[in-house]
Protein backbone atom coordinates (compact mmCIF):
# COMPACT_ATOMS: atom_id res chain seq x y z
CA UNK A 1 -0.01 -0.17 -0.01
CA UNK A 2 1.05 3.58 -0.60
CA UNK A 3 0.03 6.90 0.85
CA UNK A 4 -1.76 9.26 -1.52
CA UNK A 5 -3.72 12.66 -1.81
CA UNK A 6 -6.81 12.75 -4.07
CA UNK A 7 -6.40 15.63 -6.29
CA UNK A 8 -9.07 14.91 -9.01
CA UNK A 9 -11.86 13.18 -10.50
CA UNK A 10 -12.03 11.08 -13.64
CA UNK A 11 -15.23 11.52 -15.83
CA UNK A 12 -15.73 8.67 -18.37
CA UNK A 13 -18.92 8.17 -20.23
CA UNK A 14 -17.67 4.94 -22.09
CA UNK A 15 -15.87 2.35 -19.84
CA UNK A 16 -15.49 -1.42 -19.60
CA UNK A 17 -18.31 -3.06 -17.97
CA UNK A 18 -16.33 -4.10 -14.84
CA UNK A 19 -15.78 -0.41 -14.29
CA UNK A 20 -19.43 0.85 -14.73
CA UNK A 21 -20.75 2.49 -11.75
CA UNK A 22 -17.44 2.74 -10.09
CA UNK A 23 -15.44 5.94 -9.01
CA UNK A 24 -12.33 6.71 -10.59
CA UNK A 25 -10.12 9.37 -9.03
CA UNK A 26 -6.75 10.99 -9.58
CA UNK A 27 -4.24 10.38 -6.88
CA UNK A 28 -0.80 12.02 -6.05
CA UNK A 29 1.39 9.91 -4.13
CA UNK A 30 3.14 11.42 -1.04
CA UNK A 31 5.80 10.64 1.00
CA UNK A 32 5.72 10.38 4.77
CA UNK A 33 6.30 14.36 5.12
CA UNK A 34 3.37 14.81 2.74
CA UNK A 35 5.60 15.95 -0.26
CA UNK A 36 4.30 14.47 -3.75
CA UNK A 37 6.37 11.60 -5.30
CA UNK A 38 5.96 10.13 -8.68
CA UNK A 39 3.45 10.73 -11.29
CA UNK A 40 -0.21 11.04 -10.87
CA UNK A 41 -2.44 7.82 -10.94
CA UNK A 42 -6.04 6.86 -11.63
CA UNK A 43 -7.41 4.51 -8.88
CA UNK A 44 -10.87 2.83 -8.28
CA UNK A 45 -12.50 3.89 -5.05
CA UNK A 46 -13.86 1.75 -2.78
CA UNK A 47 -14.44 3.82 0.33
CA UNK A 48 -16.16 6.70 -1.24
CA UNK A 49 -12.89 9.27 -0.76
CA UNK A 50 -12.80 12.84 -2.14
CA UNK A 51 -10.59 15.31 -3.52
CA UNK A 52 -8.26 16.64 -0.82
CA UNK A 53 -8.39 13.29 1.27
CA UNK A 54 -5.40 11.46 2.16
CA UNK A 55 -5.92 7.83 1.23
CA UNK A 56 -4.25 4.39 1.34
CA UNK A 57 -3.67 2.96 -2.26
CA UNK A 58 -3.47 -0.92 -2.82
CA UNK A 59 -1.41 -2.02 -5.83
CA UNK A 60 -2.23 -5.49 -6.87
CA UNK A 61 -5.28 -7.06 -8.91
CA UNK A 62 -6.46 -9.35 -5.94
CA UNK A 63 -6.97 -6.35 -3.93
CA UNK A 64 -9.11 -4.61 -6.01
CA UNK A 65 -11.47 -7.76 -6.79
CA UNK A 66 -11.81 -8.30 -2.76
CA UNK A 67 -12.28 -4.60 -1.81
CA UNK A 68 -14.92 -3.90 -4.71
CA UNK A 69 -16.39 -7.26 -4.11
CA UNK A 70 -16.28 -8.07 -8.08
CA UNK A 71 -14.19 -10.99 -9.15
CA UNK A 72 -14.26 -9.66 -12.85
CA UNK A 73 -12.90 -6.27 -12.15
CA UNK A 74 -9.51 -5.43 -13.57
CA UNK A 75 -7.35 -2.92 -11.71
CA UNK A 76 -4.01 -2.63 -10.07
CA UNK A 77 -4.81 0.34 -8.06
CA UNK A 78 -7.76 0.94 -5.63
CA UNK A 79 -8.35 3.25 -2.68
CA UNK A 80 -8.81 1.12 0.22
CA UNK A 81 -8.95 3.51 2.90
CA UNK A 82 -9.09 7.35 4.18
CA UNK A 83 -6.36 8.33 6.64
CA UNK A 84 -7.47 10.49 9.42
CA UNK A 85 -4.01 11.08 10.76
CA UNK A 86 -0.61 9.10 11.06
CA UNK A 87 2.64 9.71 13.42
CA UNK A 88 5.93 9.79 11.77
CA UNK A 89 9.25 10.47 13.52
CA UNK A 90 7.19 11.28 16.76
CA UNK A 91 5.08 13.85 14.99
CA UNK A 92 1.37 13.81 13.97
CA UNK A 93 0.87 14.36 10.44
CA UNK A 94 -1.62 14.19 7.68
CA UNK A 95 -4.58 15.45 10.28
CA UNK A 96 -8.00 15.35 8.53
CA UNK A 97 -9.88 18.43 8.47
CA UNK A 98 -13.30 18.14 9.46
């Protein structure tokens, strides 16, 4: 799993049938200090995350099948949790607003 921040939504009127009625979000991966690392990715959402949320992203197809309860879905990137906060190097970080 990787830590990421949701930075946008993907709107697609035509999708593979296994992606119908599933939300796609754009995420920026972040390091333990919250700095963006790597290129943005598109992830299927299994937890109703939104723009600005800090999330956990799983990176393997079996997890997507299990989290989305769909044995036919094909994805290697699925959001599996919204992070309220975490502690790194003795300091609380990533505190969720609201």
